C-alpha cells in the first residue's frame, strides 16, 4: 500500500508524490524537473531483454477485468513475466525506478495513477493511453513502460480490445 498525491494545474499533472511506508521510500516528480526516489534522481535504465517484467492492474468494469486477463494470458503464453502487485501507485513508481518494465491498467482512475504517471514520465518512461496518445486526467486507460517496448505492447493491446 502507499499514499499517493498529485497536483494538477489546468488539467495537467505538475507534481506527484508517493510514499511507501513499509519500504520507507518516497517517490516524487515535478513536471520538467525530473523524478526522484528518496532524493536520488531517477532515470529509466537500459532495457534488459532477458528479464522483462510486466505488471498489470484493472478497473472494476467487466471490460477492464477481461482486458487485463487477456493481456496476462498473452504475456504468459509468450513466456514473459507478468505480475499483478495490487497497487497502481507502487507499480508506476517501479516503472520509474526500472524495477519493472511496464504497467498496463484498463479502466485506470486518475486519482489512483496521476502521481505515479508524472513520476514515471519524468524518469523517462512512456506514459500513454491505449491509443498511444499521451496520458491525461481524462484518459480511460494507462500504459507506462520503457520507451523501447511501447510499440510492441500497444500491438498486443489492439489485438485484445
N, C-alpha and C. Protein backbone atom coordinates (compact mmCIF):
# COMPACT_ATOMS: atom_id res chain seq x y z
N UNK A 1 0.84 -1.17 0.00
CA UNK A 1 0.00 0.00 0.00
C UNK A 1 0.88 1.23 0.00
N UNK A 2 0.26 2.34 -0.37
CA UNK A 2 1.02 3.59 -0.44
C UNK A 2 0.09 4.78 -0.26
N UNK A 3 0.70 5.91 -0.08
CA UNK A 3 -0.02 7.19 -0.06
C UNK A 3 0.40 7.91 -1.32
N UNK A 4 -0.57 8.35 -2.09
CA UNK A 4 -0.29 8.92 -3.41
C UNK A 4 -1.05 10.24 -3.56
N UNK A 5 -0.34 11.31 -3.88
CA UNK A 5 -0.95 12.63 -4.04
C UNK A 5 -0.38 13.29 -5.28
N UNK A 6 -1.28 13.88 -6.09
CA UNK A 6 -0.84 14.59 -7.29
C UNK A 6 -1.42 16.00 -7.28
N UNK A 7 -0.73 16.89 -7.95
CA UNK A 7 -1.18 18.27 -8.10
C UNK A 7 -1.32 18.56 -9.58
N UNK A 8 -2.51 19.05 -9.97
CA UNK A 8 -2.75 19.39 -11.37
C UNK A 8 -3.02 20.89 -11.48
N UNK A 9 -2.61 21.44 -12.60
CA UNK A 9 -2.89 22.84 -12.92
C UNK A 9 -3.37 22.88 -14.36
N UNK A 10 -4.55 23.43 -14.59
CA UNK A 10 -5.16 23.49 -15.93
C UNK A 10 -5.17 22.11 -16.59
N UNK A 11 -5.62 21.11 -15.83
CA UNK A 11 -5.76 19.72 -16.30
C UNK A 11 -4.45 19.04 -16.65
N UNK A 12 -3.33 19.55 -16.19
CA UNK A 12 -2.04 18.89 -16.41
C UNK A 12 -1.41 18.58 -15.06
N UNK A 13 -0.96 17.35 -14.91
CA UNK A 13 -0.29 16.98 -13.66
C UNK A 13 1.07 17.67 -13.64
N UNK A 14 1.33 18.40 -12.56
CA UNK A 14 2.60 19.12 -12.47
C UNK A 14 3.49 18.60 -11.33
N UNK A 15 2.89 17.82 -10.43
CA UNK A 15 3.68 17.28 -9.31
C UNK A 15 2.99 16.03 -8.79
N UNK A 16 3.78 15.07 -8.38
CA UNK A 16 3.24 13.87 -7.76
C UNK A 16 4.19 13.33 -6.73
N UNK A 17 3.64 12.76 -5.67
CA UNK A 17 4.46 12.17 -4.62
C UNK A 17 3.79 10.88 -4.15
N UNK A 18 4.60 9.86 -3.94
CA UNK A 18 4.12 8.56 -3.47
C UNK A 18 5.02 8.12 -2.33
N UNK A 19 4.40 7.79 -1.21
CA UNK A 19 5.15 7.29 -0.06
C UNK A 19 4.74 5.85 0.20
N UNK A 20 5.75 4.97 0.29
CA UNK A 20 5.53 3.57 0.59
C UNK A 20 6.08 3.32 2.00
N UNK A 21 5.22 3.39 3.02
CA UNK A 21 5.70 3.33 4.41
C UNK A 21 6.49 2.08 4.76
N UNK A 22 6.05 0.91 4.30
CA UNK A 22 6.74 -0.33 4.69
C UNK A 22 8.18 -0.40 4.16
N UNK A 23 8.45 0.31 3.06
CA UNK A 23 9.79 0.34 2.50
C UNK A 23 10.52 1.64 2.82
N UNK A 24 9.82 2.56 3.45
CA UNK A 24 10.33 3.90 3.74
C UNK A 24 10.90 4.55 2.47
N UNK A 25 10.11 4.49 1.41
CA UNK A 25 10.52 5.08 0.13
C UNK A 25 9.55 6.18 -0.26
N UNK A 26 10.14 7.30 -0.68
CA UNK A 26 9.35 8.43 -1.18
C UNK A 26 9.76 8.66 -2.63
N UNK A 27 8.81 8.47 -3.53
CA UNK A 27 9.00 8.78 -4.94
C UNK A 27 8.30 10.11 -5.21
N UNK A 28 8.94 10.98 -5.97
CA UNK A 28 8.27 12.22 -6.33
C UNK A 28 8.78 12.71 -7.68
N UNK A 29 7.94 13.45 -8.35
CA UNK A 29 8.31 14.00 -9.65
C UNK A 29 7.62 15.32 -9.88
N UNK A 30 8.32 16.19 -10.57
CA UNK A 30 7.78 17.51 -10.91
C UNK A 30 7.96 17.74 -12.40
N UNK A 31 6.93 18.27 -13.04
CA UNK A 31 6.94 18.49 -14.47
C UNK A 31 8.19 19.25 -14.91
N UNK A 32 8.91 18.66 -15.85
CA UNK A 32 10.13 19.23 -16.44
C UNK A 32 11.29 19.39 -15.44
N UNK A 33 11.18 18.75 -14.27
CA UNK A 33 12.26 18.86 -13.28
C UNK A 33 12.76 17.51 -12.81
N UNK A 34 12.20 16.42 -13.37
CA UNK A 34 12.71 15.09 -13.05
C UNK A 34 11.90 14.35 -12.00
N UNK A 35 12.35 13.13 -11.76
CA UNK A 35 11.73 12.24 -10.77
C UNK A 35 12.80 11.76 -9.81
N UNK A 36 12.38 11.46 -8.58
CA UNK A 36 13.34 11.12 -7.53
C UNK A 36 12.81 10.00 -6.64
N UNK A 37 13.73 9.24 -6.09
CA UNK A 37 13.45 8.26 -5.05
C UNK A 37 14.33 8.60 -3.88
N UNK A 38 13.71 9.00 -2.76
CA UNK A 38 14.46 9.42 -1.57
C UNK A 38 15.57 10.39 -1.95
N UNK A 39 15.25 11.37 -2.78
CA UNK A 39 16.12 12.45 -3.25
C UNK A 39 17.23 12.03 -4.20
N UNK A 40 17.20 10.78 -4.68
CA UNK A 40 18.13 10.34 -5.70
C UNK A 40 17.39 10.38 -7.04
N UNK A 41 17.99 11.07 -8.03
CA UNK A 41 17.32 11.23 -9.32
C UNK A 41 17.11 9.89 -10.01
N UNK A 42 15.91 9.72 -10.56
CA UNK A 42 15.57 8.50 -11.29
C UNK A 42 15.69 8.73 -12.78
N UNK A 43 16.19 7.73 -13.47
CA UNK A 43 16.25 7.75 -14.92
C UNK A 43 16.08 6.30 -15.37
N UNK A 44 15.17 6.08 -16.33
CA UNK A 44 14.93 4.74 -16.83
C UNK A 44 16.25 4.13 -17.29
N UNK A 45 16.53 2.92 -16.84
CA UNK A 45 17.77 2.24 -17.21
C UNK A 45 17.63 1.56 -18.57
N UNK A 46 18.74 1.24 -19.21
CA UNK A 46 18.66 0.50 -20.48
C UNK A 46 17.87 -0.80 -20.29
N UNK A 47 17.13 -1.15 -21.31
CA UNK A 47 16.27 -2.33 -21.26
C UNK A 47 17.09 -3.61 -21.26
N UNK A 48 16.73 -4.53 -20.36
CA UNK A 48 17.37 -5.84 -20.31
C UNK A 48 16.37 -6.85 -20.88
N UNK A 49 16.51 -7.18 -22.16
CA UNK A 49 15.55 -8.05 -22.84
C UNK A 49 15.45 -9.44 -22.20
N UNK A 50 16.45 -9.84 -21.42
CA UNK A 50 16.44 -11.18 -20.81
C UNK A 50 15.59 -11.25 -19.55
N UNK A 51 15.20 -10.12 -19.00
CA UNK A 51 14.45 -10.15 -17.74
C UNK A 51 13.31 -9.12 -17.70
N UNK A 52 12.55 -9.01 -18.75
CA UNK A 52 11.44 -8.08 -18.75
C UNK A 52 10.38 -8.49 -17.73
N UNK A 53 9.93 -7.53 -16.97
CA UNK A 53 8.87 -7.78 -16.00
C UNK A 53 7.73 -6.82 -16.32
N UNK A 54 6.57 -7.38 -16.62
CA UNK A 54 5.37 -6.61 -16.92
C UNK A 54 4.42 -6.69 -15.74
N UNK A 55 3.76 -5.59 -15.44
CA UNK A 55 2.74 -5.59 -14.39
C UNK A 55 1.42 -5.11 -14.98
N UNK A 56 0.35 -5.44 -14.30
CA UNK A 56 -0.96 -5.01 -14.75
C UNK A 56 -1.89 -4.84 -13.56
N UNK A 57 -2.91 -4.05 -13.79
CA UNK A 57 -3.96 -3.81 -12.83
C UNK A 57 -5.24 -3.68 -13.66
N UNK A 58 -6.35 -3.36 -13.05
CA UNK A 58 -7.56 -3.14 -13.83
C UNK A 58 -8.60 -2.39 -13.00
N UNK A 59 -9.49 -1.72 -13.72
CA UNK A 59 -10.61 -1.06 -13.09
C UNK A 59 -11.66 -2.08 -12.70
N UNK A 60 -12.83 -1.59 -12.29
CA UNK A 60 -13.85 -2.50 -11.77
C UNK A 60 -14.91 -2.93 -12.78
N UNK A 61 -14.85 -2.44 -14.00
CA UNK A 61 -15.83 -2.84 -15.01
C UNK A 61 -15.43 -4.17 -15.65
N UNK A 62 -16.42 -4.91 -16.14
CA UNK A 62 -16.17 -6.21 -16.76
C UNK A 62 -15.16 -6.09 -17.90
N UNK A 63 -15.28 -5.04 -18.72
CA UNK A 63 -14.35 -4.82 -19.82
C UNK A 63 -12.91 -4.69 -19.32
N UNK A 64 -12.74 -4.00 -18.20
CA UNK A 64 -11.40 -3.79 -17.64
C UNK A 64 -10.77 -5.11 -17.19
N UNK A 65 -11.54 -5.90 -16.47
CA UNK A 65 -11.05 -7.18 -15.98
C UNK A 65 -10.74 -8.12 -17.15
N UNK A 66 -11.65 -8.16 -18.13
CA UNK A 66 -11.46 -9.03 -19.29
C UNK A 66 -10.19 -8.63 -20.06
N UNK A 67 -9.99 -7.35 -20.28
CA UNK A 67 -8.79 -6.88 -20.98
C UNK A 67 -7.53 -7.26 -20.21
N UNK A 68 -7.54 -7.06 -18.90
CA UNK A 68 -6.37 -7.39 -18.08
C UNK A 68 -6.06 -8.88 -18.13
N UNK A 69 -7.10 -9.71 -18.06
CA UNK A 69 -6.88 -11.17 -18.10
C UNK A 69 -6.33 -11.60 -19.46
N UNK A 70 -6.86 -11.01 -20.53
CA UNK A 70 -6.36 -11.35 -21.87
C UNK A 70 -4.90 -10.90 -22.03
N UNK A 71 -4.57 -9.74 -21.50
CA UNK A 71 -3.19 -9.25 -21.57
C UNK A 71 -2.26 -10.21 -20.81
N UNK A 72 -2.67 -10.58 -19.61
CA UNK A 72 -1.88 -11.52 -18.80
C UNK A 72 -1.68 -12.83 -19.57
N UNK A 73 -2.74 -13.33 -20.17
CA UNK A 73 -2.67 -14.59 -20.92
C UNK A 73 -1.67 -14.49 -22.08
N UNK A 74 -1.74 -13.41 -22.83
CA UNK A 74 -0.81 -13.22 -23.96
C UNK A 74 0.64 -13.18 -23.46
N UNK A 75 0.88 -12.45 -22.40
CA UNK A 75 2.25 -12.34 -21.88
C UNK A 75 2.76 -13.69 -21.39
N UNK A 76 1.94 -14.40 -20.64
CA UNK A 76 2.37 -15.70 -20.11
C UNK A 76 2.55 -16.74 -21.22
N UNK A 77 1.72 -16.71 -22.24
CA UNK A 77 1.87 -17.66 -23.35
C UNK A 77 3.13 -17.39 -24.16
N UNK A 78 3.66 -16.19 -24.04
CA UNK A 78 4.92 -15.85 -24.70
C UNK A 78 6.09 -15.94 -23.73
N UNK A 79 5.88 -16.65 -22.63
CA UNK A 79 6.91 -16.88 -21.61
C UNK A 79 7.47 -15.58 -21.04
N UNK A 80 6.62 -14.58 -20.92
CA UNK A 80 7.05 -13.31 -20.34
C UNK A 80 6.54 -13.21 -18.92
N UNK A 81 7.32 -12.61 -18.06
CA UNK A 81 6.97 -12.45 -16.66
C UNK A 81 5.93 -11.34 -16.54
N UNK A 82 4.77 -11.67 -16.03
CA UNK A 82 3.67 -10.72 -15.89
C UNK A 82 3.06 -10.88 -14.51
N UNK A 83 3.00 -9.79 -13.75
CA UNK A 83 2.55 -9.87 -12.36
C UNK A 83 1.56 -8.77 -12.03
N UNK A 84 0.73 -9.03 -11.04
CA UNK A 84 -0.18 -8.03 -10.52
C UNK A 84 0.22 -7.78 -9.07
N UNK A 85 0.75 -6.59 -8.80
CA UNK A 85 1.23 -6.28 -7.47
C UNK A 85 0.13 -5.74 -6.56
N UNK A 86 -0.90 -5.13 -7.15
CA UNK A 86 -2.04 -4.69 -6.36
C UNK A 86 -2.07 -3.22 -6.00
N UNK A 87 -1.10 -2.44 -6.41
CA UNK A 87 -1.11 -1.01 -6.14
C UNK A 87 -0.60 -0.28 -7.37
N UNK A 88 -1.49 0.43 -8.03
CA UNK A 88 -1.11 1.17 -9.24
C UNK A 88 0.00 2.19 -8.95
N UNK A 89 -0.11 2.87 -7.82
CA UNK A 89 0.90 3.88 -7.48
C UNK A 89 2.28 3.24 -7.31
N UNK A 90 2.33 2.12 -6.61
CA UNK A 90 3.62 1.44 -6.43
C UNK A 90 4.13 0.92 -7.77
N UNK A 91 3.25 0.33 -8.57
CA UNK A 91 3.69 -0.21 -9.86
C UNK A 91 4.22 0.90 -10.77
N UNK A 92 3.60 2.06 -10.78
CA UNK A 92 4.11 3.18 -11.57
C UNK A 92 5.46 3.65 -11.03
N UNK A 93 5.62 3.66 -9.72
CA UNK A 93 6.91 4.01 -9.12
C UNK A 93 7.98 3.01 -9.53
N UNK A 94 7.59 1.76 -9.63
CA UNK A 94 8.53 0.72 -10.03
C UNK A 94 8.91 0.83 -11.50
N UNK A 95 8.00 1.30 -12.35
CA UNK A 95 8.37 1.59 -13.74
C UNK A 95 9.39 2.72 -13.75
N UNK A 96 9.14 3.76 -12.98
CA UNK A 96 10.05 4.92 -12.92
C UNK A 96 11.45 4.54 -12.44
N UNK A 97 11.53 3.56 -11.55
CA UNK A 97 12.83 3.16 -10.99
C UNK A 97 13.42 1.94 -11.69
N UNK A 98 12.80 1.53 -12.80
CA UNK A 98 13.27 0.38 -13.60
C UNK A 98 13.24 -0.94 -12.84
N UNK A 99 12.41 -1.05 -11.83
CA UNK A 99 12.21 -2.32 -11.14
C UNK A 99 11.31 -3.23 -11.96
N UNK A 100 10.37 -2.61 -12.69
CA UNK A 100 9.56 -3.32 -13.66
C UNK A 100 9.61 -2.52 -14.97
N UNK A 101 9.27 -3.18 -16.06
CA UNK A 101 9.41 -2.54 -17.37
C UNK A 101 8.12 -1.97 -17.93
N UNK A 102 6.98 -2.42 -17.42
CA UNK A 102 5.72 -1.86 -17.90
C UNK A 102 4.60 -2.06 -16.89
N UNK A 103 3.59 -1.21 -17.04
CA UNK A 103 2.35 -1.33 -16.28
C UNK A 103 1.21 -1.00 -17.21
N UNK A 104 0.22 -1.88 -17.27
CA UNK A 104 -0.96 -1.70 -18.08
C UNK A 104 -2.18 -1.70 -17.17
N UNK A 105 -3.03 -0.68 -17.30
CA UNK A 105 -4.25 -0.63 -16.49
C UNK A 105 -5.44 -0.22 -17.35
N UNK A 106 -6.27 -1.19 -17.74
CA UNK A 106 -7.54 -0.82 -18.36
C UNK A 106 -8.49 -0.31 -17.27
N UNK A 107 -9.15 0.82 -17.53
CA UNK A 107 -10.06 1.37 -16.54
C UNK A 107 -9.37 2.08 -15.40
N UNK A 108 -8.23 2.69 -15.66
CA UNK A 108 -7.48 3.40 -14.62
C UNK A 108 -8.25 4.63 -14.13
N UNK A 109 -8.23 4.84 -12.85
CA UNK A 109 -8.84 6.03 -12.26
C UNK A 109 -7.74 7.07 -12.06
N UNK A 110 -8.00 8.30 -12.48
CA UNK A 110 -6.96 9.33 -12.42
C UNK A 110 -6.40 9.51 -11.01
N UNK A 111 -7.25 9.40 -9.99
CA UNK A 111 -6.77 9.61 -8.63
C UNK A 111 -5.86 8.48 -8.15
N UNK A 112 -5.93 7.34 -8.81
CA UNK A 112 -5.05 6.22 -8.47
C UNK A 112 -3.69 6.31 -9.17
N UNK A 113 -3.66 6.96 -10.33
CA UNK A 113 -2.45 6.89 -11.15
C UNK A 113 -1.77 8.23 -11.44
N UNK A 114 -2.41 9.35 -11.13
CA UNK A 114 -1.87 10.65 -11.53
C UNK A 114 -0.46 10.92 -10.97
N UNK A 115 -0.25 10.67 -9.69
CA UNK A 115 1.07 10.91 -9.10
C UNK A 115 2.12 10.00 -9.74
N UNK A 116 1.78 8.72 -9.88
CA UNK A 116 2.72 7.78 -10.50
C UNK A 116 2.99 8.09 -11.96
N UNK A 117 1.98 8.60 -12.66
CA UNK A 117 2.15 8.94 -14.08
C UNK A 117 3.21 10.03 -14.27
N UNK A 118 3.16 11.09 -13.47
CA UNK A 118 4.15 12.17 -13.61
C UNK A 118 5.53 11.69 -13.17
N UNK A 119 5.59 10.84 -12.16
CA UNK A 119 6.88 10.31 -11.71
C UNK A 119 7.50 9.44 -12.79
N UNK A 120 6.72 8.52 -13.36
CA UNK A 120 7.23 7.65 -14.43
C UNK A 120 7.64 8.46 -15.66
N UNK A 121 6.80 9.41 -16.03
CA UNK A 121 7.10 10.26 -17.19
C UNK A 121 8.40 11.03 -16.99
N UNK A 122 8.56 11.62 -15.83
CA UNK A 122 9.76 12.43 -15.56
C UNK A 122 11.02 11.57 -15.44
N UNK A 123 10.86 10.28 -15.15
CA UNK A 123 12.01 9.37 -15.10
C UNK A 123 12.40 8.88 -16.50
N UNK A 124 11.55 9.15 -17.49
CA UNK A 124 11.86 8.76 -18.87
C UNK A 124 10.99 7.66 -19.43
N UNK A 125 10.01 7.19 -18.66
CA UNK A 125 9.08 6.18 -19.17
C UNK A 125 8.10 6.81 -20.14
N UNK A 126 7.53 5.99 -20.99
CA UNK A 126 6.46 6.44 -21.87
C UNK A 126 5.16 6.22 -21.11
N UNK A 127 4.33 7.23 -21.03
CA UNK A 127 3.06 7.13 -20.32
C UNK A 127 1.97 7.57 -21.29
N UNK A 128 1.15 6.60 -21.70
CA UNK A 128 0.14 6.88 -22.73
C UNK A 128 -1.18 6.18 -22.42
N UNK A 129 -2.17 6.47 -23.27
CA UNK A 129 -3.40 5.69 -23.21
C UNK A 129 -3.21 4.51 -24.16
N UNK A 130 -4.24 3.71 -24.37
CA UNK A 130 -4.11 2.51 -25.20
C UNK A 130 -4.07 2.81 -26.70
N UNK A 131 -4.24 4.09 -27.07
CA UNK A 131 -4.08 4.50 -28.48
C UNK A 131 -2.69 5.06 -28.73
N UNK A 132 -1.86 5.09 -27.69
CA UNK A 132 -0.51 5.62 -27.82
C UNK A 132 -0.42 7.12 -27.62
N UNK A 133 -1.55 7.75 -27.28
CA UNK A 133 -1.56 9.19 -27.04
C UNK A 133 -1.13 9.47 -25.60
N UNK A 134 -0.53 10.62 -25.38
CA UNK A 134 -0.06 10.97 -24.04
C UNK A 134 -1.21 10.86 -23.03
N UNK A 135 -0.94 10.20 -21.90
CA UNK A 135 -1.96 10.03 -20.87
C UNK A 135 -2.31 11.39 -20.28
N UNK A 136 -3.60 11.57 -19.95
CA UNK A 136 -4.04 12.79 -19.27
C UNK A 136 -5.15 12.42 -18.29
N UNK A 137 -5.62 13.38 -17.55
CA UNK A 137 -6.60 13.13 -16.50
C UNK A 137 -7.92 12.54 -17.01
N UNK A 138 -8.22 12.72 -18.28
CA UNK A 138 -9.46 12.19 -18.85
C UNK A 138 -9.27 10.84 -19.53
N UNK A 139 -8.04 10.36 -19.60
CA UNK A 139 -7.77 9.07 -20.24
C UNK A 139 -8.45 7.95 -19.47
N UNK A 140 -8.97 6.99 -20.19
CA UNK A 140 -9.67 5.86 -19.58
C UNK A 140 -8.71 4.76 -19.16
N UNK A 141 -7.64 4.59 -19.91
CA UNK A 141 -6.67 3.51 -19.68
C UNK A 141 -5.27 4.12 -19.63
N UNK A 142 -4.34 3.38 -19.04
CA UNK A 142 -2.96 3.87 -18.97
C UNK A 142 -1.98 2.73 -19.26
N UNK A 143 -0.93 3.08 -19.99
CA UNK A 143 0.21 2.21 -20.21
C UNK A 143 1.45 3.02 -19.87
N UNK A 144 2.23 2.55 -18.92
CA UNK A 144 3.50 3.17 -18.58
C UNK A 144 4.57 2.12 -18.84
N UNK A 145 5.57 2.47 -19.64
CA UNK A 145 6.56 1.45 -19.98
C UNK A 145 7.88 2.07 -20.44
N UNK A 146 8.87 1.21 -20.49
CA UNK A 146 10.14 1.58 -21.09
C UNK A 146 9.85 1.96 -22.53
N UNK A 147 10.40 3.07 -23.02
CA UNK A 147 10.08 3.54 -24.38
C UNK A 147 10.34 2.50 -25.48
N UNK A 148 11.29 1.62 -25.28
CA UNK A 148 11.63 0.64 -26.32
C UNK A 148 10.58 -0.44 -26.51
N UNK A 149 9.66 -0.62 -25.57
CA UNK A 149 8.67 -1.69 -25.71
C UNK A 149 7.24 -1.15 -25.91
N UNK A 150 7.09 0.15 -26.01
CA UNK A 150 5.75 0.75 -26.17
C UNK A 150 5.03 0.19 -27.40
N UNK A 151 5.66 0.20 -28.55
CA UNK A 151 5.01 -0.23 -29.79
C UNK A 151 4.58 -1.69 -29.69
N UNK A 152 5.44 -2.53 -29.16
CA UNK A 152 5.12 -3.96 -29.02
C UNK A 152 3.91 -4.18 -28.11
N UNK A 153 3.86 -3.48 -26.99
CA UNK A 153 2.74 -3.64 -26.07
C UNK A 153 1.45 -3.10 -26.68
N UNK A 154 1.53 -1.95 -27.34
CA UNK A 154 0.33 -1.39 -27.97
C UNK A 154 -0.24 -2.32 -29.04
N UNK A 155 0.63 -3.02 -29.76
CA UNK A 155 0.15 -4.00 -30.76
C UNK A 155 -0.63 -5.12 -30.07
N UNK A 156 -0.15 -5.58 -28.92
CA UNK A 156 -0.84 -6.64 -28.17
C UNK A 156 -2.19 -6.13 -27.65
N UNK A 157 -2.20 -4.90 -27.20
CA UNK A 157 -3.44 -4.31 -26.67
C UNK A 157 -4.49 -4.23 -27.79
N UNK A 158 -4.08 -3.78 -28.95
CA UNK A 158 -5.03 -3.64 -30.08
C UNK A 158 -5.65 -4.98 -30.47
N UNK A 159 -4.94 -6.08 -30.25
CA UNK A 159 -5.48 -7.41 -30.56
C UNK A 159 -6.56 -7.86 -29.57
N UNK A 160 -6.53 -7.29 -28.37
CA UNK A 160 -7.46 -7.79 -27.34
C UNK A 160 -8.60 -6.82 -27.00
N UNK A 161 -8.53 -5.58 -27.47
CA UNK A 161 -9.65 -4.67 -27.16
C UNK A 161 -10.47 -4.35 -28.39
